[in-house]
Amino acid sequence: MPIFTLAIGIAITAWVGIMGATAMLRTEAANKWFGEMLEQSPALMMVNGFGLFVTAALVGFNLLVPAIVTATFVKWALVGIGVSQLSTLFMQLRGGASSAAMAGPAVLLVLAVIHWFIRT
């Protein structure tokens, strides 16, 4: 596996995994991001966090054991990441968020698209 593919996969896994874990644990940063900025309820925040954590696990396990977690699973995980980041950007645009706040979801979306074309 090329180092570029591995680096992007690790970046996506770490970024999305941390987002998912903090949302499920309802940390202060997650409450600020999901609750205040995106106006999600605590229950929806936990469901969203679990979904993000599962997608991160699929991408990460594909890097470790590609025979078990195939590219088909990764493809659907990347679709989930893409949809979540596009909806985040839409909600931020609607809420008038700053460009700096939109940089994170935009970069993650770009990484997911690059990984899509490399791995699938």
PDB file of N, CA and C in Angstrom:
ATOM      1  N   MET A   1       0.855  -1.179   0.000  1.00  0.00           N
ATOM      2  CA  MET A   1       0.000   0.000   0.000  1.00  0.00           C
ATOM      3  C   MET A   1       0.900   1.241   0.000  1.00  0.00           C
ATOM      4  N   PRO A   2       0.647   2.141  -0.920  1.00  0.00           N
ATOM      5  CA  PRO A   2       1.462   3.364  -0.975  1.00  0.00           C
ATOM      6  C   PRO A   2       1.310   4.199   0.298  1.00  0.00           C
ATOM      7  N   ILE A   3       2.363   4.901   0.635  1.00  0.00           N
ATOM      8  CA  ILE A   3       2.390   5.701   1.860  1.00  0.00           C
ATOM      9  C   ILE A   3       1.343   6.822   1.824  1.00  0.00           C
ATOM     10  N   PHE A   4       1.065   7.365   0.639  1.00  0.00           N
ATOM     11  CA  PHE A   4       0.067   8.428   0.496  1.00  0.00           C
ATOM     12  C   PHE A   4      -1.320   7.904   0.871  1.00  0.00           C
ATOM     13  N   THR A   5      -1.646   6.707   0.397  1.00  0.00           N
ATOM     14  CA  THR A   5      -2.936   6.089   0.721  1.00  0.00           C
ATOM     15  C   THR A   5      -3.036   5.829   2.215  1.00  0.00           C
ATOM     16  N   LEU A   6      -1.962   5.313   2.778  1.00  0.00           N
ATOM     17  CA  LEU A   6      -1.941   5.021   4.205  1.00  0.00           C
ATOM     18  C   LEU A   6      -2.105   6.301   5.026  1.00  0.00           C
ATOM     19  N   ALA A   7      -1.429   7.368   4.629  1.00  0.00           N
ATOM     20  CA  ALA A   7      -1.501   8.638   5.361  1.00  0.00           C
ATOM     21  C   ALA A   7      -2.914   9.216   5.328  1.00  0.00           C
ATOM     22  N   ILE A   8      -3.544   9.191   4.169  1.00  0.00           N
ATOM     23  CA  ILE A   8      -4.906   9.731   4.071  1.00  0.00           C
ATOM     24  C   ILE A   8      -5.878   8.860   4.858  1.00  0.00           C
ATOM     25  N   GLY A   9      -5.728   7.547   4.777  1.00  0.00           N
ATOM     26  CA  GLY A   9      -6.594   6.649   5.536  1.00  0.00           C
ATOM     27  C   GLY A   9      -6.459   6.846   7.032  1.00  0.00           C
ATOM     28  N   ILE A  10      -5.224   6.999   7.506  1.00  0.00           N
ATOM     29  CA  ILE A  10      -5.004   7.238   8.936  1.00  0.00           C
ATOM     30  C   ILE A  10      -5.584   8.587   9.355  1.00  0.00           C
ATOM     31  N   ALA A  11      -5.417   9.601   8.517  1.00  0.00           N
ATOM     32  CA  ALA A  11      -5.958  10.931   8.836  1.00  0.00           C
ATOM     33  C   ALA A  11      -7.484  10.885   8.946  1.00  0.00           C
ATOM     34  N   ILE A  12      -8.130  10.226   7.995  1.00  0.00           N
ATOM     35  CA  ILE A  12      -9.595  10.117   8.034  1.00  0.00           C
ATOM     36  C   ILE A  12     -10.034   9.328   9.260  1.00  0.00           C
ATOM     37  N   THR A  13      -9.363   8.207   9.521  1.00  0.00           N
ATOM     38  CA  THR A  13      -9.725   7.368  10.659  1.00  0.00           C
ATOM     39  C   THR A  13      -9.582   8.126  11.973  1.00  0.00           C
ATOM     40  N   ALA A  14      -8.461   8.813  12.146  1.00  0.00           N
ATOM     41  CA  ALA A  14      -8.237   9.545  13.391  1.00  0.00           C
ATOM     42  C   ALA A  14      -9.221  10.698  13.547  1.00  0.00           C
ATOM     43  N   TRP A  15      -9.371  11.495  12.500  1.00  0.00           N
ATOM     44  CA  TRP A  15     -10.230  12.680  12.564  1.00  0.00           C
ATOM     45  C   TRP A  15     -11.680  12.296  12.849  1.00  0.00           C
ATOM     46  N   VAL A  16     -12.218  11.376  12.043  1.00  0.00           N
ATOM     47  CA  VAL A  16     -13.619  10.999  12.187  1.00  0.00           C
ATOM     48  C   VAL A  16     -13.830  10.191  13.467  1.00  0.00           C
ATOM     49  N   GLY A  17     -12.858   9.355  13.820  1.00  0.00           N
ATOM     50  CA  GLY A  17     -12.973   8.580  15.048  1.00  0.00           C
ATOM     51  C   GLY A  17     -13.022   9.455  16.284  1.00  0.00           C
ATOM     52  N   ILE A  18     -12.184  10.466  16.319  1.00  0.00           N
ATOM     53  CA  ILE A  18     -12.190  11.398  17.458  1.00  0.00           C
ATOM     54  C   ILE A  18     -13.499  12.182  17.498  1.00  0.00           C
ATOM     55  N   MET A  19     -13.978  12.607  16.335  1.00  0.00           N
ATOM     56  CA  MET A  19     -15.264  13.318  16.301  1.00  0.00           C
ATOM     57  C   MET A  19     -16.378  12.423  16.838  1.00  0.00           C
ATOM     58  N   GLY A  20     -16.397  11.169  16.394  1.00  0.00           N
ATOM     59  CA  GLY A  20     -17.436  10.242  16.838  1.00  0.00           C
ATOM     60  C   GLY A  20     -17.349   9.939  18.321  1.00  0.00           C
ATOM     61  N   ALA A  21     -16.135   9.684  18.807  1.00  0.00           N
ATOM     62  CA  ALA A  21     -15.962   9.355  20.229  1.00  0.00           C
ATOM     63  C   ALA A  21     -16.341  10.528  21.119  1.00  0.00           C
ATOM     64  N   THR A  22     -15.931  11.734  20.750  1.00  0.00           N
ATOM     65  CA  THR A  22     -16.272  12.894  21.588  1.00  0.00           C
ATOM     66  C   THR A  22     -17.765  13.177  21.567  1.00  0.00           C
ATOM     67  N   ALA A  23     -18.420  12.909  20.436  1.00  0.00           N
ATOM     68  CA  ALA A  23     -19.871  13.105  20.374  1.00  0.00           C
ATOM     69  C   ALA A  23     -20.586  12.088  21.251  1.00  0.00           C
ATOM     70  N   MET A  24     -20.116  10.838  21.237  1.00  0.00           N
ATOM     71  CA  MET A  24     -20.758   9.819  22.072  1.00  0.00           C
ATOM     72  C   MET A  24     -20.521  10.084  23.561  1.00  0.00           C
ATOM     73  N   LEU A  25     -19.352  10.632  23.897  1.00  0.00           N
ATOM     74  CA  LEU A  25     -19.037  10.936  25.291  1.00  0.00           C
ATOM     75  C   LEU A  25     -19.590  12.287  25.742  1.00  0.00           C
ATOM     76  N   ARG A  26     -20.132  13.053  24.804  1.00  0.00           N
ATOM     77  CA  ARG A  26     -20.709  14.383  25.065  1.00  0.00           C
ATOM     78  C   ARG A  26     -19.723  15.303  25.764  1.00  0.00           C
ATOM     79  N   THR A  27     -18.537  15.396  25.214  1.00  0.00           N
ATOM     80  CA  THR A  27     -17.534  16.291  25.785  1.00  0.00           C
ATOM     81  C   THR A  27     -17.960  17.738  25.572  1.00  0.00           C
ATOM     82  N   GLU A  28     -17.266  18.641  26.243  1.00  0.00           N
ATOM     83  CA  GLU A  28     -17.598  20.065  26.137  1.00  0.00           C
ATOM     84  C   GLU A  28     -17.441  20.564  24.700  1.00  0.00           C
ATOM     85  N   ALA A  29     -16.360  20.141  24.036  1.00  0.00           N
ATOM     86  CA  ALA A  29     -16.140  20.562  22.648  1.00  0.00           C
ATOM     87  C   ALA A  29     -17.227  20.012  21.731  1.00  0.00           C
ATOM     88  N   ALA A  30     -17.624  18.757  21.950  1.00  0.00           N
ATOM     89  CA  ALA A  30     -18.684  18.178  21.128  1.00  0.00           C
ATOM     90  C   ALA A  30     -20.011  18.874  21.373  1.00  0.00           C
ATOM     91  N   ASN A  31     -20.292  19.202  22.641  1.00  0.00           N
ATOM     92  CA  ASN A  31     -21.534  19.933  22.931  1.00  0.00           C
ATOM     93  C   ASN A  31     -21.550  21.280  22.225  1.00  0.00           C
ATOM     94  N   LYS A  32     -20.392  21.940  22.191  1.00  0.00           N
ATOM     95  CA  LYS A  32     -20.322  23.237  21.516  1.00  0.00           C
ATOM     96  C   LYS A  32     -20.522  23.061  20.012  1.00  0.00           C
ATOM     97  N   TRP A  33     -19.844  22.055  19.436  1.00  0.00           N
ATOM     98  CA  TRP A  33     -19.913  21.858  17.983  1.00  0.00           C
ATOM     99  C   TRP A  33     -21.276  21.353  17.551  1.00  0.00           C
ATOM    100  N   PHE A  34     -21.700  20.214  18.105  1.00  0.00           N
ATOM    101  CA  PHE A  34     -22.957  19.602  17.675  1.00  0.00           C
ATOM    102  C   PHE A  34     -24.170  20.318  18.247  1.00  0.00           C
ATOM    103  N   GLY A  35     -24.084  20.731  19.507  1.00  0.00           N
ATOM    104  CA  GLY A  35     -25.236  21.327  20.162  1.00  0.00           C
ATOM    105  C   GLY A  35     -25.476  22.767  19.796  1.00  0.00           C
ATOM    106  N   GLU A  36     -24.460  23.612  19.991  1.00  0.00           N
ATOM    107  CA  GLU A  36     -24.648  25.044  19.755  1.00  0.00           C
ATOM    108  C   GLU A  36     -24.574  25.403  18.278  1.00  0.00           C
ATOM    109  N   MET A  37     -23.515  24.915  17.594  1.00  0.00           N
ATOM    110  CA  MET A  37     -23.317  25.330  16.218  1.00  0.00           C
ATOM    111  C   MET A  37     -24.298  24.634  15.260  1.00  0.00           C
ATOM    112  N   LEU A  38     -24.483  23.323  15.433  1.00  0.00           N
ATOM    113  CA  LEU A  38     -25.346  22.581  14.517  1.00  0.00           C
ATOM    114  C   LEU A  38     -26.754  22.389  15.057  1.00  0.00           C
ATOM    115  N   GLU A  39     -26.980  22.809  16.309  1.00  0.00           N
ATOM    116  CA  GLU A  39     -28.295  22.767  16.944  1.00  0.00           C
ATOM    117  C   GLU A  39     -28.900  21.363  16.930  1.00  0.00           C
ATOM    118  N   GLN A  40     -28.110  20.367  17.369  1.00  0.00           N
ATOM    119  CA  GLN A  40     -28.599  19.000  17.465  1.00  0.00           C
ATOM    120  C   GLN A  40     -28.947  18.678  18.907  1.00  0.00           C
ATOM    121  N   SER A  41     -29.928  17.809  19.074  1.00  0.00           N
ATOM    122  CA  SER A  41     -30.281  17.351  20.410  1.00  0.00           C
ATOM    123  C   SER A  41     -29.208  16.385  20.911  1.00  0.00           C
ATOM    124  N   PRO A  42     -29.108  16.187  22.226  1.00  0.00           N
ATOM    125  CA  PRO A  42     -28.117  15.246  22.754  1.00  0.00           C
ATOM    126  C   PRO A  42     -28.285  13.826  22.213  1.00  0.00           C
ATOM    127  N   ALA A  43     -29.527  13.382  22.025  1.00  0.00           N
ATOM    128  CA  ALA A  43     -29.752  12.033  21.499  1.00  0.00           C
ATOM    129  C   ALA A  43     -29.260  11.929  20.063  1.00  0.00           C
ATOM    130  N   LEU A  44     -29.562  12.931  19.259  1.00  0.00           N
ATOM    131  CA  LEU A  44     -29.102  12.926  17.870  1.00  0.00           C
ATOM    132  C   LEU A  44     -27.587  13.042  17.806  1.00  0.00           C
ATOM    133  N   MET A  45     -27.008  13.785  18.746  1.00  0.00           N
ATOM    134  CA  MET A  45     -25.560  13.919  18.790  1.00  0.00           C
ATOM    135  C   MET A  45     -24.910  12.558  19.052  1.00  0.00           C
ATOM    136  N   MET A  46     -25.489  11.750  19.929  1.00  0.00           N
ATOM    137  CA  MET A  46     -24.928  10.429  20.210  1.00  0.00           C
ATOM    138  C   MET A  46     -25.083   9.492  19.018  1.00  0.00           C
ATOM    139  N   VAL A  47     -26.224   9.539  18.335  1.00  0.00           N
ATOM    140  CA  VAL A  47     -26.423   8.704  17.146  1.00  0.00           C
ATOM    141  C   VAL A  47     -25.445   9.118  16.054  1.00  0.00           C
ATOM    142  N   ASN A  48     -25.303  10.407  15.848  1.00  0.00           N
ATOM    143  CA  ASN A  48     -24.361  10.921  14.862  1.00  0.00           C
ATOM    144  C   ASN A  48     -22.937  10.504  15.228  1.00  0.00           C
ATOM    145  N   GLY A  49     -22.591  10.585  16.499  1.00  0.00           N
ATOM    146  CA  GLY A  49     -21.264  10.183  16.956  1.00  0.00           C
ATOM    147  C   GLY A  49     -21.003   8.709  16.729  1.00  0.00           C
ATOM    148  N   PHE A  50     -21.999   7.870  16.989  1.00  0.00           N
ATOM    149  CA  PHE A  50     -21.842   6.431  16.773  1.00  0.00           C
ATOM    150  C   PHE A  50     -21.628   6.141  15.289  1.00  0.00           C
ATOM    151  N   GLY A  51     -22.397   6.809  14.440  1.00  0.00           N
ATOM    152  CA  GLY A  51     -22.227   6.626  12.992  1.00  0.00           C
ATOM    153  C   GLY A  51     -20.849   7.044  12.515  1.00  0.00           C
ATOM    154  N   LEU A  52     -20.376   8.167  13.018  1.00  0.00           N
ATOM    155  CA  LEU A  52     -19.034   8.620  12.649  1.00  0.00           C
ATOM    156  C   LEU A  52     -17.969   7.644  13.130  1.00  0.00           C
ATOM    157  N   PHE A  53     -18.143   7.120  14.347  1.00  0.00           N
ATOM    158  CA  PHE A  53     -17.172   6.179  14.893  1.00  0.00           C
ATOM    159  C   PHE A  53     -17.135   4.887  14.071  1.00  0.00           C
ATOM    160  N   VAL A  54     -18.294   4.406  13.638  1.00  0.00           N
ATOM    161  CA  VAL A  54     -18.349   3.193  12.817  1.00  0.00           C
ATOM    162  C   VAL A  54     -17.682   3.423  11.464  1.00  0.00           C
ATOM    163  N   THR A  55     -17.924   4.557  10.843  1.00  0.00           N
ATOM    164  CA  THR A  55     -17.284   4.831   9.555  1.00  0.00           C
ATOM    165  C   THR A  55     -15.776   4.923   9.703  1.00  0.00           C
ATOM    166  N   ALA A  56     -15.311   5.527  10.786  1.00  0.00           N
ATOM    167  CA  ALA A  56     -13.870   5.597  11.035  1.00  0.00           C
ATOM    168  C   ALA A  56     -13.291   4.202  11.236  1.00  0.00           C
ATOM    169  N   ALA A  57     -14.016   3.364  11.951  1.00  0.00           N
ATOM    170  CA  ALA A  57     -13.541   1.992  12.185  1.00  0.00           C
ATOM    171  C   ALA A  57     -13.446   1.211  10.880  1.00  0.00           C
ATOM    172  N   LEU A  58     -14.407   1.399   9.991  1.00  0.00           N
ATOM    173  CA  LEU A  58     -14.366   0.690   8.706  1.00  0.00           C
ATOM    174  C   LEU A  58     -13.157   1.108   7.876  1.00  0.00           C
ATOM    175  N   VAL A  59     -12.890   2.398   7.815  1.00  0.00           N
ATOM    176  CA  VAL A  59     -11.730   2.879   7.058  1.00  0.00           C
ATOM    177  C   VAL A  59     -10.441   2.376   7.707  1.00  0.00           C
ATOM    178  N   GLY A  60     -10.361   2.449   9.020  1.00  0.00           N
ATOM    179  CA  GLY A  60      -9.160   2.014   9.724  1.00  0.00           C
ATOM    180  C   GLY A  60      -8.913   0.518   9.605  1.00  0.00           C
ATOM    181  N   PHE A  61      -9.969  -0.284   9.777  1.00  0.00           N
ATOM    182  CA  PHE A  61      -9.796  -1.735   9.660  1.00  0.00           C
ATOM    183  C   PHE A  61      -9.461  -2.155   8.232  1.00  0.00           C
ATOM    184  N   ASN A  62      -9.919  -1.385   7.254  1.00  0.00           N
ATOM    185  CA  ASN A  62      -9.542  -1.685   5.878  1.00  0.00           C
ATOM    186  C   ASN A  62      -8.044  -1.502   5.673  1.00  0.00           C
ATOM    187  N   LEU A  63      -7.452  -0.558   6.372  1.00  0.00           N
ATOM    188  CA  LEU A  63      -6.003  -0.369   6.276  1.00  0.00           C
ATOM    189  C   LEU A  63      -5.254  -1.515   6.930  1.00  0.00           C
ATOM    190  N   LEU A  64      -5.818  -2.067   8.013  1.00  0.00           N
ATOM    191  CA  LEU A  64      -5.148  -3.137   8.756  1.00  0.00           C
ATOM    192  C   LEU A  64      -5.418  -4.523   8.169  1.00  0.00           C
ATOM    193  N   VAL A  65      -6.665  -4.820   7.878  1.00  0.00           N
ATOM    194  CA  VAL A  65      -7.049  -6.145   7.373  1.00  0.00           C
ATOM    195  C   VAL A  65      -7.956  -5.996   6.148  1.00  0.00           C
ATOM    196  N   PRO A  66      -7.380  -5.658   5.005  1.00  0.00           N
ATOM    197  CA  PRO A  66      -8.209  -5.418   3.817  1.00  0.00           C
ATOM    198  C   PRO A  66      -8.943  -6.657   3.312  1.00  0.00           C
ATOM    199  N   ALA A  67      -8.505  -7.845   3.703  1.00  0.00           N
ATOM    200  CA  ALA A  67      -9.198  -9.059   3.271  1.00  0.00           C
ATOM    201  C   ALA A  67     -10.550  -9.204   3.972  1.00  0.00           C
ATOM    202  N   ILE A  68     -10.669  -8.673   5.181  1.00  0.00           N
ATOM    203  CA  ILE A  68     -11.917  -8.795   5.948  1.00  0.00           C
ATOM    204  C   ILE A  68     -12.821  -7.595   5.698  1.00  0.00           C
ATOM    205  N   VAL A  69     -12.267  -6.408   5.820  1.00  0.00           N
ATOM    206  CA  VAL A  69     -13.039  -5.183   5.569  1.00  0.00           C
ATOM    207  C   VAL A  69     -12.689  -4.732   4.150  1.00  0.00           C
ATOM    208  N   THR A  70     -13.542  -5.100   3.219  1.00  0.00           N
ATOM    209  CA  THR A  70     -13.241  -4.875   1.807  1.00  0.00           C
ATOM    210  C   THR A  70     -13.521  -3.433   1.391  1.00  0.00           C
ATOM    211  N   ALA A  71     -13.150  -3.135   0.152  1.00  0.00           N
ATOM    212  CA  ALA A  71     -13.341  -1.785  -0.388  1.00  0.00           C
ATOM    213  C   ALA A  71     -14.812  -1.407  -0.464  1.00  0.00           C
ATOM    214  N   THR A  72     -15.696  -2.383  -0.552  1.00  0.00           N
ATOM    215  CA  THR A  72     -17.131  -2.078  -0.593  1.00  0.00           C
ATOM    216  C   THR A  72     -17.574  -1.420   0.706  1.00  0.00           C
ATOM    217  N   PHE A  73     -17.092  -1.939   1.849  1.00  0.00           N
ATOM    218  CA  PHE A  73     -17.427  -1.323   3.137  1.00  0.00           C
ATOM    219  C   PHE A  73     -16.867   0.095   3.221  1.00  0.00           C
ATOM    220  N   VAL A  74     -15.648   0.257   2.733  1.00  0.00           N
ATOM    221  CA  VAL A  74     -15.007   1.577   2.778  1.00  0.00           C
ATOM    222  C   VAL A  74     -15.758   2.564   1.897  1.00  0.00           C
ATOM    223  N   LYS A  75     -16.212   2.088   0.752  1.00  0.00           N
ATOM    224  CA  LYS A  75     -16.969   2.955  -0.150  1.00  0.00           C
ATOM    225  C   LYS A  75     -18.204   3.518   0.561  1.00  0.00           C
ATOM    226  N   TRP A  76     -18.947   2.662   1.270  1.00  0.00           N
ATOM    227  CA  TRP A  76     -20.142   3.136   1.970  1.00  0.00           C
ATOM    228  C   TRP A  76     -19.782   4.015   3.158  1.00  0.00           C
ATOM    229  N   ALA A  77     -18.663   3.719   3.812  1.00  0.00           N
ATOM    230  CA  ALA A  77     -18.213   4.580   4.909  1.00  0.00           C
ATOM    231  C   ALA A  77     -17.858   5.964   4.392  1.00  0.00           C
ATOM    232  N   LEU A  78     -17.194   6.021   3.242  1.00  0.00           N
ATOM    233  CA  LEU A  78     -16.840   7.321   2.665  1.00  0.00           C
ATOM    234  C   LEU A  78     -18.071   8.082   2.201  1.00  0.00           C
ATOM    235  N   VAL A  79     -19.083   7.372   1.717  1.00  0.00           N
ATOM    236  CA  VAL A  79     -20.349   8.032   1.365  1.00  0.00           C
ATOM    237  C   VAL A  79     -20.965   8.650   2.616  1.00  0.00           C
ATOM    238  N   GLY A  80     -20.949   7.902   3.726  1.00  0.00           N
ATOM    239  CA  GLY A  80     -21.480   8.426   4.991  1.00  0.00           C
ATOM    240  C   GLY A  80     -20.727   9.645   5.476  1.00  0.00           C
ATOM    241  N   ILE A  81     -19.401   9.594   5.372  1.00  0.00           N
ATOM    242  CA  ILE A  81     -18.594  10.754   5.769  1.00  0.00           C
ATOM    243  C   ILE A  81     -18.917  11.941   4.871  1.00  0.00           C
ATOM    244  N   GLY A  82     -19.015  11.700   3.576  1.00  0.00           N
ATOM    245  CA  GLY A  82     -19.326  12.778   2.634  1.00  0.00           C
ATOM    246  C   GLY A  82     -20.673  13.423   2.918  1.00  0.00           C
ATOM    247  N   VAL A  83     -21.686  12.597   3.154  1.00  0.00           N
ATOM    248  CA  VAL A  83     -23.020  13.127   3.445  1.00  0.00           C
ATOM    249  C   VAL A  83     -23.009  13.928   4.750  1.00  0.00           C
ATOM    250  N   SER A  84     -22.332  13.391   5.779  1.00  0.00           N
ATOM    251  CA  SER A  84     -22.309  14.117   7.053  1.00  0.00           C
ATOM    252  C   SER A  84     -21.583  15.445   6.934  1.00  0.00           C
ATOM    253  N   GLN A  85     -20.504  15.486   6.166  1.00  0.00           N
ATOM    254  CA  GLN A  85     -19.760  16.739   6.028  1.00  0.00           C
ATOM    255  C   GLN A  85     -20.489  17.738   5.140  1.00  0.00           C
ATOM    256  N   LEU A  86     -21.162  17.241   4.100  1.00  0.00           N
ATOM    257  CA  LEU A  86     -21.965  18.155   3.271  1.00  0.00           C
ATOM    258  C   LEU A  86     -23.121  18.743   4.076  1.00  0.00           C
ATOM    259  N   SER A  87     -23.765  17.919   4.908  1.00  0.00           N
ATOM    260  CA  SER A  87     -24.860  18.451   5.729  1.00  0.00           C
ATOM    261  C   SER A  87     -24.333  19.433   6.769  1.00  0.00           C
ATOM    262  N   THR A  88     -23.136  19.158   7.302  1.00  0.00           N
ATOM    263  CA  THR A  88     -22.526  20.096   8.248  1.00  0.00           C
ATOM    264  C   THR A  88     -22.250  21.432   7.577  1.00  0.00           C
ATOM    265  N   LEU A  89     -21.676  21.377   6.377  1.00  0.00           N
ATOM    266  CA  LEU A  89     -21.401  22.624   5.649  1.00  0.00           C
ATOM    267  C   LEU A  89     -22.688  23.382   5.340  1.00  0.00           C
ATOM    268  N   PHE A  90     -23.734  22.650   4.961  1.00  0.00           N
ATOM    269  CA  PHE A  90     -25.015  23.287   4.672  1.00  0.00           C
ATOM    270  C   PHE A  90     -25.567  23.977   5.911  1.00  0.00           C
ATOM    271  N   MET A  91     -25.508  23.282   7.061  1.00  0.00           N
ATOM    272  CA  MET A  91     -26.024  23.879   8.295  1.00  0.00           C
ATOM    273  C   MET A  91     -25.185  25.080   8.711  1.00  0.00           C
ATOM    274  N   GLN A  92     -23.881  25.014   8.467  1.00  0.00           N
ATOM    275  CA  GLN A  92     -23.026  26.153   8.795  1.00  0.00           C
ATOM    276  C   GLN A  92     -23.325  27.340   7.890  1.00  0.00           C
ATOM    277  N   LEU A  93     -23.519  27.092   6.621  1.00  0.00           N
ATOM    278  CA  LEU A  93     -23.874  28.181   5.703  1.00  0.00           C
ATOM    279  C   LEU A  93     -25.195  28.810   6.114  1.00  0.00           C
ATOM    280  N   ARG A  94     -26.149  27.968   6.455  1.00  0.00           N
ATOM    281  CA  ARG A  94     -27.456  28.461   6.862  1.00  0.00           C
ATOM    282  C   ARG A  94     -27.371  29.255   8.159  1.00  0.00           C
ATOM    283  N   GLY A  95     -26.468  28.838   9.053  1.00  0.00           N
ATOM    284  CA  GLY A  95     -26.318  29.514  10.333  1.00  0.00           C
ATOM    285  C   GLY A  95     -25.355  30.684  10.310  1.00  0.00           C
ATOM    286  N   GLY A  96     -24.705  30.941   9.179  1.00  0.00           N
ATOM    287  CA  GLY A  96     -23.792  32.070   9.079  1.00  0.00           C
ATOM    288  C   GLY A  96     -22.461  31.861   9.777  1.00  0.00           C
ATOM    289  N   ALA A  97     -21.956  30.635   9.761  1.00  0.00           N
ATOM    290  CA  ALA A  97     -20.666  30.350  10.406  1.00  0.00           C
ATOM    291  C   ALA A  97     -19.527  30.998   9.629  1.00  0.00           C
ATOM    292  N   SER A  98     -18.418  31.178  10.314  1.00  0.00           N
ATOM    293  CA  SER A  98     -17.258  31.799   9.670  1.00  0.00           C
ATOM    294  C   SER A  98     -16.581  30.821   8.719  1.00  0.00           C
ATOM    295  N   SER A  99     -15.740  31.367   7.860  1.00  0.00           N
ATOM    296  CA  SER A  99     -14.997  30.532   6.914  1.00  0.00           C
ATOM    297  C   SER A  99     -14.045  29.587   7.640  1.00  0.00           C
ATOM    298  N   ALA A 100     -13.488  30.033   8.745  1.00  0.00           N
ATOM    299  CA  ALA A 100     -12.578  29.189   9.516  1.00  0.00           C
ATOM    300  C   ALA A 100     -13.308  27.969  10.075  1.00  0.00           C
ATOM    301  N   ALA A 101     -14.555  28.145  10.500  1.00  0.00           N
ATOM    302  CA  ALA A 101     -15.334  27.019  11.016  1.00  0.00           C
ATOM    303  C   ALA A 101     -15.678  26.031   9.913  1.00  0.00           C
ATOM    304  N   MET A 102     -15.800  26.503   8.692  1.00  0.00           N
ATOM    305  CA  MET A 102     -16.138  25.634   7.566  1.00  0.00           C
ATOM    306  C   MET A 102     -14.926  24.911   6.993  1.00  0.00           C
ATOM    307  N   ALA A 103     -13.743  25.305   7.389  1.00  0.00           N
ATOM    308  CA  ALA A 103     -12.532  24.696   6.833  1.00  0.00           C
ATOM    309  C   ALA A 103     -12.410  23.225   7.218  1.00  0.00           C
ATOM    310  N   GLY A 104     -12.741  22.892   8.449  1.00  0.00           N
ATOM    311  CA  GLY A 104     -12.616  21.510   8.910  1.00  0.00           C
ATOM    312  C   GLY A 104     -13.452  20.530   8.105  1.00  0.00           C
ATOM    313  N   PRO A 105     -14.775  20.754   8.010  1.00  0.00           N
ATOM    314  CA  PRO A 105     -15.592  19.840   7.210  1.00  0.00           C
ATOM    315  C   PRO A 105     -15.190  19.823   5.730  1.00  0.00           C
ATOM    316  N   ALA A 106     -14.754  20.954   5.214  1.00  0.00           N
ATOM    317  CA  ALA A 106     -14.350  21.003   3.807  1.00  0.00           C
ATOM    318  C   ALA A 106     -13.096  20.166   3.565  1.00  0.00           C
ATOM    319  N   VAL A 107     -12.119  20.276   4.458  1.00  0.00           N
ATOM    320  CA  VAL A 107     -10.884  19.500   4.316  1.00  0.00           C
ATOM    321  C   VAL A 107     -11.174  18.010   4.463  1.00  0.00           C
ATOM    322  N   LEU A 108     -12.002  17.641   5.429  1.00  0.00           N
ATOM    323  CA  LEU A 108     -12.349  16.238   5.613  1.00  0.00           C
ATOM    324  C   LEU A 108     -13.086  15.695   4.395  1.00  0.00           C
ATOM    325  N   LEU A 109     -13.950  16.492   3.811  1.00  0.00           N
ATOM    326  CA  LEU A 109     -14.653  16.085   2.595  1.00  0.00           C
ATOM    327  C   LEU A 109     -13.669  15.855   1.452  1.00  0.00           C
ATOM    328  N   VAL A 110     -12.702  16.730   1.301  1.00  0.00           N
ATOM    329  CA  VAL A 110     -11.682  16.574   0.254  1.00  0.00           C
ATOM    330  C   VAL A 110     -10.861  15.301   0.496  1.00  0.00           C
ATOM    331  N   LEU A 111     -10.479  15.046   1.747  1.00  0.00           N
ATOM    332  CA  LEU A 111      -9.731  13.825   2.060  1.00  0.00           C
ATOM    333  C   LEU A 111     -10.547  12.573   1.731  1.00  0.00           C
ATOM    334  N   ALA A 112     -11.838  12.604   2.037  1.00  0.00           N
ATOM    335  CA  ALA A 112     -12.695  11.457   1.743  1.00  0.00           C
ATOM    336  C   ALA A 112     -12.809  11.226   0.233  1.00  0.00           C
ATOM    337  N   VAL A 113     -12.921  12.291  -0.532  1.00  0.00           N
ATOM    338  CA  VAL A 113     -13.002  12.160  -1.996  1.00  0.00           C
ATOM    339  C   VAL A 113     -11.691  11.607  -2.555  1.00  0.00           C
ATOM    340  N   ILE A 114     -10.569  12.095  -2.066  1.00  0.00           N
ATOM    341  CA  ILE A 114      -9.272  11.579  -2.526  1.00  0.00           C
ATOM    342  C   ILE A 114      -9.142  10.103  -2.185  1.00  0.00           C
ATOM    343  N   HIS A 115      -9.518   9.740  -0.961  1.00  0.00           N
ATOM    344  CA  HIS A 115      -9.432   8.329  -0.556  1.00  0.00           C
ATOM    345  C   HIS A 115     -10.360   7.463  -1.400  1.00  0.00           C
ATOM    346  N   TRP A 116     -11.517   7.990  -1.763  1.00  0.00           N
ATOM    347  CA  TRP A 116     -12.467   7.258  -2.627  1.00  0.00           C
ATOM    348  C   TRP A 116     -11.794   6.868  -3.934  1.00  0.00           C
ATOM    349  N   PHE A 117     -11.146   7.833  -4.568  1.00  0.00           N
ATOM    350  CA  PHE A 117     -10.539   7.568  -5.868  1.00  0.00           C
ATOM    351  C   PHE A 117      -9.279   6.704  -5.773  1.00  0.00           C
ATOM    352  N   ILE A 118      -8.605   6.730  -4.623  1.00  0.00           N
ATOM    353  CA  ILE A 118      -7.412   5.907  -4.453  1.00  0.00           C
ATOM    354  C   ILE A 118      -7.781   4.453  -4.136  1.00  0.00           C
ATOM    355  N   ARG A 119      -8.728   4.246  -3.216  1.00  0.00           N
ATOM    356  CA  ARG A 119      -8.994   2.901  -2.688  1.00  0.00           C
ATOM    357  C   ARG A 119     -10.140   2.175  -3.350  1.00  0.00           C
ATOM    358  N   THR A 120     -11.018   2.834  -4.046  1.00  0.00           N
ATOM    359  CA  THR A 120     -12.179   2.101  -4.591  1.00  0.00           C
ATOM    360  C   THR A 120     -12.115   2.021  -6.096  1.00  0.00           C
TER     361      THR A 120
END
